[in-house]
Amino acid sequence: MVKAVVGANWGDEGKGKITDMMAEKADIIVRFQGGANAGHTIVNNYGKFALHTLPSGVFYNHTTSVIGNGVALNIPILMKEIKSITDRNVPMPKILVSDRAQMVMPYHILFDQYEEERLGGKSFGSTKSGIAPFYSDKYAKIGFQVSELFDDELLEEKVQRVSEMKNVILEHLYHKPLIDPAELLNTLHEYRDMIAPFVCDVSAFLDKALKEGKTILLEGQLGTMKDPDHGIYPMVTSSSTLAAYGAIGAGIPPYEIKQIVTVSKAYSSAVGAGAFVSEIFGDEADELRRRGGDGGEFGATTGRPRRMGWFDCVATKYGCRLQGATDVAFTVLDALGYLEEIPVCVGYEIDGEVTTDFPVTYKLEKAKPVLKKLPGWNCDIRGIRKFEDLPENCRKYVEFIEEQIGFPITMVSNGPGREDIIYRESPLKK
């Protein structure tokens, strides 16, 4: 059986914790898209970790962690990450890397930095991890696939050819140092030696696992709003963040995905530029940022403060619909315990009209939030394990949001730890 854990919003919804929790009953965890540009924060018996490429199931001895073909693979970062967990007494995880995955090249990272620099104030707020240049090259058919590392003749010819193309841009657009093909080839040989022990035909491995009745967990990065087709284009990422893409990014049939756990926070946060209708500012935002997440709302990869906002029913209903949510995991509810009343965005006012449908970007830029205030519960809810034991206003908050988004909230997270989770019977669960 295949289950997917994906984000409903702008990323940072708490997917790492939910994957880590669900991995206990899974055999294989697959990262199917994205690169080391975003991270998942996980708190468990070993400590607190920020993972960037490794799937969030690496802390269990019984699991196999897979880097799928859809991932932007930065080999040195993956190696560093494996070392960072084994150095802290985590047993060496079983890791497989798809021979069809493509690699983030050293020049992708440079091109990302140079382009943001060139755009100045009109930049996309990139994490400068080389992700957009990587996917551009992949679709321009000049990317480097892991399998190509093992064909010396092909590699040498391709390095020469691609360096020539890149050097034209480096010289004439960016006025930066050129790529030395011999040096690049050398780097790729080093990459080959690092990655060789992990490389396999992942889709064949997953096919066999499915036939054996194994449980596979697909782990997405970021959320619906960052999808290049359905998100807040162009302030999006460069690979699809939707569960449907999990079939492609892992190499499995789409009908095998039976459960789609879509993660949404009890308030909103976003990293990077782009329309964010329910955004709040100043002291109000600072307070929520400080209390949110585990130790504050700061990017797991960049450390930059996240933009804060109230829960957005319009964006979340849309996000869950595009993901095909069978279950909604509602996270960081404990962070709202300090508020007397809690605003929720229930509609967007655009040119004098109110809508609950999520619009295209140019209309989104004009949208003003329609807020409804709900009474807070003014107490700490950590440690509660049953939904009926939550304060009445807290239960009402969850129920109100579920009604607005129209998807079943079956898990409520009320703390950073694995065990801080409340399972809930939802009236919407068919």
Protein backbone atom coordinates (compact mmCIF):
# COMPACT_ATOMS: atom_id res chain seq x y z
CA MET A 1 0.00 0.00 0.00
CA VAL A 2 1.23 3.49 -0.82
CA LYS A 3 0.51 6.51 1.38
CA ALA A 4 1.60 10.06 0.63
CA VAL A 5 2.39 12.87 3.09
CA VAL A 6 2.17 16.25 1.38
CA GLY A 7 1.64 19.93 2.20
CA ALA A 8 -1.62 21.85 1.75
CA ASN A 9 -0.09 25.31 1.85
CA TRP A 10 3.25 27.09 1.37
CA GLY A 11 5.44 24.40 2.92
CA ASP A 12 6.58 24.21 6.58
CA GLU A 13 3.29 22.62 7.61
CA GLY A 14 4.91 19.99 9.84
CA LYS A 15 5.19 17.16 7.28
CA GLY A 16 8.47 15.91 8.75
CA LYS A 17 6.86 15.03 12.05
CA ILE A 18 3.86 13.33 10.40
CA THR A 19 6.15 11.29 8.09
CA ASP A 20 8.41 10.38 11.01
CA MET A 21 5.33 9.25 12.95
CA MET A 22 3.80 7.27 10.06
CA ALA A 23 7.19 5.73 9.18
CA GLU A 24 6.91 3.59 12.30
CA LYS A 25 4.38 1.42 10.42
CA ALA A 26 6.01 1.74 6.98
CA ASP A 27 8.68 -0.33 5.25
CA ILE A 28 9.93 2.18 2.68
CA ILE A 29 9.95 6.00 2.65
CA VAL A 30 10.47 7.80 -0.65
CA ARG A 31 11.39 11.39 -1.35
CA PHE A 32 9.90 12.03 -4.80
CA GLN A 33 10.64 15.67 -5.73
CA GLY A 34 12.55 18.80 -4.74
CA GLY A 35 16.07 19.08 -3.45
CA ALA A 36 17.98 20.31 -0.43
CA ASN A 37 16.31 23.75 -0.70
CA ALA A 38 13.76 23.03 2.03
CA GLY A 39 13.99 21.04 5.21
CA HIS A 40 11.95 18.96 7.59
CA THR A 41 12.45 19.43 11.32
CA ILE A 42 12.08 16.28 13.40
CA VAL A 43 12.19 15.78 17.16
CA ASN A 44 12.62 12.21 18.42
CA ASN A 45 14.53 10.09 20.97
CA TYR A 46 17.84 10.90 19.26
CA GLY A 47 17.30 14.69 19.48
CA LYS A 48 16.23 17.45 17.10
CA PHE A 49 17.21 17.20 13.43
CA ALA A 50 16.75 19.28 10.28
CA LEU A 51 16.70 16.98 7.25
CA HIS A 52 17.02 18.33 3.71
CA THR A 53 17.38 15.38 1.33
CA LEU A 54 17.03 12.29 3.49
CA PRO A 55 13.45 11.05 3.92
CA SER A 56 12.01 11.57 7.40
CA GLY A 57 11.95 7.82 8.08
CA VAL A 58 15.72 7.39 8.48
CA PHE A 59 15.47 7.12 12.27
CA TYR A 60 13.89 3.64 12.20
CA ASN A 61 15.98 0.49 11.77
CA HIS A 62 13.25 -1.38 9.88
CA THR A 63 12.84 1.16 7.06
CA THR A 64 14.54 1.70 3.71
CA SER A 65 14.96 5.33 2.68
CA VAL A 66 14.71 6.03 -1.02
CA ILE A 67 15.75 9.06 -3.07
CA GLY A 68 13.45 8.88 -6.08
CA ASN A 69 14.10 9.86 -9.68
CA GLY A 70 12.14 13.11 -9.25
CA VAL A 71 14.58 14.51 -6.67
CA ALA A 72 17.23 17.15 -7.36
CA LEU A 73 20.12 15.21 -5.86
CA ASN A 74 22.97 17.17 -4.34
CA ILE A 75 25.46 14.36 -3.64
CA PRO A 76 27.87 16.17 -1.25
CA ILE A 77 24.90 17.47 0.79
CA LEU A 78 23.38 13.99 1.00
CA MET A 79 26.72 12.57 2.23
CA LYS A 80 27.09 15.36 4.77
CA GLU A 81 23.56 14.73 5.98
CA ILE A 82 24.12 10.98 6.44
CA LYS A 83 27.25 11.81 8.47
CA SER A 84 25.39 14.43 10.54
CA ILE A 85 22.90 11.83 11.79
CA THR A 86 25.32 8.91 12.25
CA ASP A 87 27.65 11.26 14.20
CA ARG A 88 24.77 11.63 16.68
CA ASN A 89 24.39 7.89 17.28
CA VAL A 90 21.63 7.26 14.76
CA PRO A 91 22.31 3.83 13.19
CA MET A 92 23.39 3.99 9.53
CA PRO A 93 20.10 3.96 7.60
CA LYS A 94 19.43 1.74 4.58
CA ILE A 95 19.50 4.19 1.66
CA LEU A 96 18.77 3.66 -2.02
CA VAL A 97 19.23 6.29 -4.73
CA SER A 98 17.50 6.03 -8.10
CA ASP A 99 19.86 5.56 -11.03
CA ARG A 100 17.47 7.88 -12.90
CA ALA A 101 17.73 10.74 -10.40
CA GLN A 102 19.58 13.77 -11.71
CA MET A 103 22.30 15.67 -9.92
CA VAL A 104 22.56 19.23 -8.79
CA MET A 105 25.83 20.36 -10.37
CA PRO A 106 28.23 22.82 -8.70
CA TYR A 107 27.41 25.37 -11.43
CA HIS A 108 23.65 25.12 -10.72
CA ILE A 109 24.23 26.64 -7.30
CA LEU A 110 26.39 29.41 -8.77
CA PHE A 111 23.85 30.18 -11.50
CA ASP A 112 21.12 30.40 -8.85
CA GLN A 113 23.16 32.96 -6.88
CA TYR A 114 24.19 34.93 -9.97
CA GLU A 115 20.60 35.17 -11.25
CA GLU A 116 19.18 36.36 -7.90
CA GLU A 117 22.02 38.93 -7.81
CA ARG A 118 21.25 40.05 -11.37
CA LEU A 119 17.51 40.39 -10.67
CA GLY A 120 18.16 42.48 -7.55
CA GLY A 121 14.85 43.70 -6.11
CA LYS A 122 12.87 41.60 -8.59
CA SER A 123 14.31 38.29 -7.39
CA PHE A 124 12.20 35.20 -6.59
CA GLY A 125 13.44 34.79 -3.03
CA SER A 126 15.29 31.60 -3.97
CA THR A 127 17.18 29.60 -1.33
CA LYS A 128 20.11 29.64 -3.82
CA SER A 129 20.38 25.85 -3.68
CA GLY A 130 20.53 25.51 -7.47
CA ILE A 131 16.99 24.13 -7.78
CA ALA A 132 15.59 26.28 -10.62
CA PRO A 133 18.77 25.96 -12.78
CA PHE A 134 18.76 22.21 -12.06
CA TYR A 135 15.18 21.66 -13.25
CA SER A 136 15.69 24.04 -16.20
CA ASP A 137 18.58 21.85 -17.37
CA LYS A 138 16.63 18.64 -16.72
CA TYR A 139 13.83 19.75 -19.02
CA ALA A 140 16.27 21.27 -21.52
CA LYS A 141 17.76 17.74 -21.62
CA ILE A 142 21.24 18.77 -20.53
CA GLY A 143 20.97 17.47 -16.98
CA PHE A 144 23.26 14.75 -15.63
CA GLN A 145 21.59 11.50 -14.57
CA VAL A 146 23.20 9.41 -11.82
CA SER A 147 23.49 6.47 -14.26
CA GLU A 148 25.69 8.58 -16.56
CA LEU A 149 28.39 8.76 -13.90
CA PHE A 150 29.21 5.14 -14.73
CA ASP A 151 29.82 5.67 -18.46
CA ASP A 152 33.25 7.34 -18.82
CA GLU A 153 33.06 8.10 -22.51
CA LEU A 154 29.57 9.62 -22.35
CA LEU A 155 30.46 11.65 -19.26
CA GLU A 156 33.59 13.18 -20.77
CA GLU A 157 31.82 14.21 -23.99
CA LYS A 158 28.83 15.64 -22.11
CA VAL A 159 30.93 17.63 -19.63
CA GLN A 160 32.75 19.24 -22.57
CA ARG A 161 29.52 20.04 -24.43
CA VAL A 162 27.60 21.42 -21.43
CA SER A 163 30.58 23.48 -20.20
CA GLU A 164 30.75 25.24 -23.57
CA MET A 165 27.08 26.26 -23.32
CA LYS A 166 27.34 27.38 -19.70
CA ASN A 167 30.52 29.36 -20.31
CA VAL A 168 28.80 31.57 -22.91
CA ILE A 169 26.30 32.65 -20.24
CA LEU A 170 28.95 32.98 -17.52
CA GLU A 171 31.07 35.20 -19.74
CA HIS A 172 28.45 37.37 -21.43
CA LEU A 173 25.51 37.55 -19.00
CA TYR A 174 27.04 37.18 -15.55
CA HIS A 175 30.68 38.21 -16.18
CA LYS A 176 31.86 35.47 -13.82
CA PRO A 177 34.69 32.88 -13.91
CA LEU A 178 34.26 30.08 -16.47
CA ILE A 179 33.83 26.35 -15.87
CA ASP A 180 36.95 24.24 -16.34
CA PRO A 181 35.70 20.96 -17.93
CA ALA A 182 38.64 18.93 -16.55
CA GLU A 183 37.90 20.12 -13.03
CA LEU A 184 34.18 19.41 -13.46
CA LEU A 185 34.90 15.87 -14.71
CA ASN A 186 37.08 15.31 -11.71
CA THR A 187 34.27 16.45 -9.37
CA LEU A 188 31.85 14.07 -11.08
CA HIS A 189 34.25 11.16 -10.58
CA GLU A 190 34.29 12.03 -6.87
CA TYR A 191 30.46 12.11 -6.88
CA ARG A 192 30.42 8.69 -8.56
CA ASP A 193 32.59 7.15 -5.86
CA MET A 194 30.45 8.69 -3.10
CA ILE A 195 27.08 7.59 -4.49
CA ALA A 196 28.01 4.19 -6.02
CA PRO A 197 27.09 2.09 -2.92
CA PHE A 198 23.52 3.43 -2.90
CA VAL A 199 22.52 3.38 -6.58
CA CYS A 200 19.77 1.04 -7.78
CA ASP A 201 16.80 0.70 -10.11
CA VAL A 202 14.30 2.21 -7.68
CA SER A 203 11.11 1.64 -9.68
CA ALA A 204 11.94 -2.10 -9.99
CA PHE A 205 12.67 -2.21 -6.24
CA LEU A 206 9.31 -0.52 -5.45
CA ASP A 207 7.43 -2.78 -7.87
CA LYS A 208 8.77 -5.85 -6.06
CA ALA A 209 7.93 -4.26 -2.67
CA LEU A 210 4.33 -3.59 -3.76
CA LYS A 211 3.95 -7.20 -4.94
CA GLU A 212 5.18 -8.31 -1.49
CA GLY A 213 2.53 -6.14 0.22
CA LYS A 214 4.99 -3.69 1.75
CA THR A 215 3.89 -0.24 2.98
CA ILE A 216 5.46 2.66 1.09
CA LEU A 217 5.34 6.25 2.27
CA LEU A 218 5.82 9.06 -0.25
CA GLU A 219 7.22 12.23 1.31
CA GLY A 220 6.61 15.53 -0.45
CA GLN A 221 8.45 18.78 0.02
CA LEU A 222 6.82 22.23 0.33
CA GLY A 223 3.07 22.44 -0.40
CA THR A 224 0.35 23.10 -2.98
CA MET A 225 0.95 26.88 -3.12
CA LYS A 226 4.51 26.21 -4.31
CA ASP A 227 3.49 23.89 -7.16
CA PRO A 228 4.65 25.27 -10.54
CA ASP A 229 1.25 24.60 -12.18
CA HIS A 230 -1.26 25.12 -9.40
CA GLY A 231 0.59 27.40 -6.99
CA ILE A 232 1.29 31.14 -6.76
CA TYR A 233 3.29 31.20 -10.01
CA PRO A 234 5.99 32.49 -10.52
CA MET A 235 6.80 32.50 -6.77
CA VAL A 236 6.84 28.71 -6.77
CA THR A 237 9.34 25.88 -6.68
CA SER A 238 10.51 24.06 -9.82
CA SER A 239 9.03 20.58 -9.34
CA SER A 240 5.47 19.49 -8.64
CA THR A 241 4.63 19.39 -4.94
CA LEU A 242 1.45 17.35 -5.46
CA ALA A 243 0.80 13.77 -4.34
CA ALA A 244 -0.05 12.83 -7.94
CA TYR A 245 3.55 13.60 -8.89
CA GLY A 246 4.65 11.02 -6.32
CA ALA A 247 3.78 8.31 -8.85
CA ILE A 248 6.16 9.88 -11.38
CA GLY A 249 8.89 10.95 -8.95
CA ALA A 250 9.07 7.47 -7.41
CA GLY A 251 8.26 5.38 -10.49
CA ILE A 252 5.04 3.67 -9.36
CA PRO A 253 1.52 3.44 -10.87
CA PRO A 254 -0.80 6.28 -9.77
CA TYR A 255 -3.57 3.87 -8.69
CA GLU A 256 -1.29 2.47 -5.96
CA ILE A 257 -1.57 5.68 -3.90
CA LYS A 258 -4.39 4.84 -1.49
CA GLN A 259 -4.04 7.42 1.29
CA ILE A 260 -3.06 11.09 0.94
CA VAL A 261 -2.35 12.75 4.25
CA THR A 262 -2.34 16.47 3.57
CA VAL A 263 -0.69 18.50 6.30
CA SER A 264 -1.87 21.96 7.28
CA LYS A 265 -0.91 24.18 10.20
CA ALA A 266 -3.43 25.70 12.62
CA TYR A 267 -2.25 29.12 11.36
CA SER A 268 -0.30 30.10 8.23
CA SER A 269 3.36 30.69 7.50
CA ALA A 270 5.32 31.17 4.29
CA VAL A 271 8.95 31.47 3.27
CA GLY A 272 10.03 33.56 0.29
CA ALA A 273 8.17 36.12 -1.77
CA GLY A 274 4.67 35.91 -3.22
CA ALA A 275 1.01 36.62 -2.47
CA PHE A 276 0.01 35.69 1.09
CA VAL A 277 -3.51 36.98 1.76
CA SER A 278 -3.90 36.29 5.50
CA GLU A 279 -0.44 37.70 6.37
CA ILE A 280 0.04 39.59 9.65
CA PHE A 281 2.87 41.95 10.58
CA GLY A 282 4.70 43.65 13.45
CA ASP A 283 4.28 42.54 17.06
CA GLU A 284 1.32 40.32 16.24
CA ALA A 285 3.45 38.35 13.74
CA ASP A 286 6.50 38.31 16.03
CA GLU A 287 4.50 36.80 18.88
CA LEU A 288 3.03 34.03 16.69
CA ARG A 289 6.44 33.38 15.09
CA ARG A 290 8.06 33.02 18.51
CA ARG A 291 5.42 30.61 19.80
CA GLY A 292 4.97 28.65 16.56
CA GLY A 293 6.71 25.54 15.29
CA ASP A 294 9.15 24.02 17.75
CA GLY A 295 11.34 26.84 18.95
CA GLY A 296 9.93 29.39 16.53
CA GLU A 297 9.02 29.78 12.87
CA PHE A 298 12.37 29.93 11.12
CA GLY A 299 13.27 28.04 7.93
CA ALA A 300 14.80 24.59 8.54
CA THR A 301 17.25 25.14 5.67
CA THR A 302 17.84 28.89 5.62
CA GLY A 303 17.09 29.90 9.21
CA ARG A 304 15.23 32.93 7.84
CA PRO A 305 12.13 34.11 9.74
CA ARG A 306 8.94 32.87 8.13
CA ARG A 307 6.15 35.24 7.17
CA MET A 308 3.15 34.69 9.46
CA GLY A 309 -0.60 34.74 8.93
CA TRP A 310 -3.91 33.46 10.27
CA PHE A 311 -5.36 30.18 9.05
CA ASP A 312 -6.50 30.54 5.44
CA CYS A 313 -9.57 28.43 4.64
CA VAL A 314 -9.59 29.48 0.96
CA ALA A 315 -5.99 28.45 0.30
CA THR A 316 -6.28 25.28 2.40
CA LYS A 317 -9.52 24.05 0.80
CA TYR A 318 -7.86 24.52 -2.60
CA GLY A 319 -4.59 22.95 -1.38
CA CYS A 320 -6.38 19.85 -0.06
CA ARG A 321 -8.46 19.51 -3.24
CA LEU A 322 -5.39 19.59 -5.51
CA GLN A 323 -3.58 17.08 -3.31
CA GLY A 324 -6.63 14.79 -3.24
CA ALA A 325 -6.59 14.72 0.57
CA THR A 326 -8.07 11.60 2.14
CA ASP A 327 -6.95 12.83 5.57
CA VAL A 328 -5.88 16.22 6.91
CA ALA A 329 -3.21 16.36 9.62
CA PHE A 330 -3.71 19.61 11.53
CA THR A 331 -0.46 20.68 13.20
CA VAL A 332 0.94 23.11 15.81
CA LEU A 333 -2.48 23.69 17.37
CA ASP A 334 -0.75 24.16 20.75
CA ALA A 335 0.88 27.40 19.51
CA LEU A 336 -2.45 29.26 19.55
CA GLY A 337 -3.12 28.75 23.29
CA TYR A 338 -2.10 32.34 24.17
CA LEU A 339 -4.84 34.05 22.15
CA GLU A 340 -8.13 35.42 23.55
CA GLU A 341 -9.66 35.24 20.09
CA ILE A 342 -8.34 33.76 16.86
CA PRO A 343 -9.00 35.29 13.45
CA VAL A 344 -9.55 32.86 10.54
CA CYS A 345 -9.57 33.88 6.87
CA VAL A 346 -12.85 32.52 5.42
CA GLY A 347 -12.94 34.37 2.09
CA TYR A 348 -11.08 36.72 -0.24
CA GLU A 349 -12.45 40.09 -1.26
CA ILE A 350 -11.33 40.86 -4.83
CA ASP A 351 -12.53 44.05 -6.52
CA GLY A 352 -15.45 44.34 -4.12
CA GLU A 353 -16.60 40.72 -4.48
CA VAL A 354 -16.09 37.96 -1.94
CA THR A 355 -14.99 34.52 -3.12
CA THR A 356 -14.04 31.25 -1.44
CA ASP A 357 -12.34 29.96 -4.60
CA PHE A 358 -8.57 30.32 -4.81
CA PRO A 359 -7.74 32.60 -7.78
CA VAL A 360 -4.84 32.98 -10.21
CA THR A 361 -1.87 35.08 -9.12
CA TYR A 362 -2.74 38.49 -10.55
CA LYS A 363 -6.15 38.39 -8.79
CA LEU A 364 -4.55 36.96 -5.65
CA GLU A 365 -2.29 40.03 -5.43
CA LYS A 366 -5.44 42.19 -5.07
CA ALA A 367 -7.23 39.92 -2.56
CA LYS A 368 -8.04 41.16 0.94
CA PRO A 369 -8.79 38.64 3.68
CA VAL A 370 -12.35 38.26 5.01
CA LEU A 371 -11.74 37.37 8.66
CA LYS A 372 -13.99 35.66 11.18
CA LYS A 373 -12.94 35.73 14.84
CA LEU A 374 -13.31 32.60 16.93
CA PRO A 375 -12.96 32.49 20.74
CA GLY A 376 -9.58 31.18 21.96
CA TRP A 377 -9.05 28.55 24.68
CA ASN A 378 -6.33 30.37 26.60
CA CYS A 379 -4.45 27.39 27.99
CA ASP A 380 -1.72 24.87 27.19
CA ILE A 381 -3.06 21.78 25.38
CA ARG A 382 0.20 19.82 25.16
CA GLY A 383 -0.01 16.34 26.66
CA ILE A 384 -3.71 15.85 25.79
CA ARG A 385 -4.19 12.61 23.83
CA LYS A 386 -7.97 12.53 23.20
CA PHE A 387 -9.93 14.97 21.08
CA GLU A 388 -12.82 15.09 23.59
CA ASP A 389 -10.36 16.14 26.33
CA LEU A 390 -9.41 19.33 24.47
CA PRO A 391 -11.01 22.59 25.69
CA GLU A 392 -14.41 23.22 24.05
CA ASN A 393 -13.24 26.30 22.09
CA CYS A 394 -10.25 24.34 20.82
CA ARG A 395 -12.50 21.54 19.53
CA LYS A 396 -14.81 24.14 17.97
CA TYR A 397 -11.85 25.75 16.19
CA VAL A 398 -10.90 22.42 14.59
CA GLU A 399 -14.53 21.64 13.71
CA PHE A 400 -15.09 25.09 12.19
CA ILE A 401 -12.01 24.76 9.98
CA GLU A 402 -12.94 21.23 8.92
CA GLU A 403 -16.40 22.47 7.88
CA GLN A 404 -14.86 25.37 5.90
CA ILE A 405 -12.29 23.27 4.01
CA GLY A 406 -14.55 20.24 3.48
CA PHE A 407 -11.86 17.60 4.10
CA PRO A 408 -11.60 15.30 7.15
CA ILE A 409 -9.20 16.37 9.91
CA THR A 410 -8.23 12.96 11.32
CA MET A 411 -4.98 13.89 13.10
CA VAL A 412 -4.31 16.86 15.35
CA SER A 413 -0.74 17.57 16.42
CA ASN A 414 -0.35 19.39 19.74
CA GLY A 415 3.42 19.34 20.32
CA PRO A 416 6.71 18.63 18.55
CA GLY A 417 7.25 15.04 19.71
CA ARG A 418 6.25 11.84 17.91
CA GLU A 419 3.72 11.05 20.61
CA ASP A 420 2.10 14.52 20.57
CA ILE A 421 -0.73 13.49 18.29
CA ILE A 422 -4.49 13.14 18.69
CA TYR A 423 -6.35 10.79 16.35
CA ARG A 424 -9.85 11.96 15.62
CA GLU A 425 -12.99 10.40 14.16
CA SER A 426 -14.09 12.87 11.49
CA PRO A 427 -17.73 13.16 10.41
CA LEU A 428 -16.39 13.74 6.86
CA LYS A 429 -14.42 10.48 6.77
CA LYS A 430 -16.26 8.15 4.43
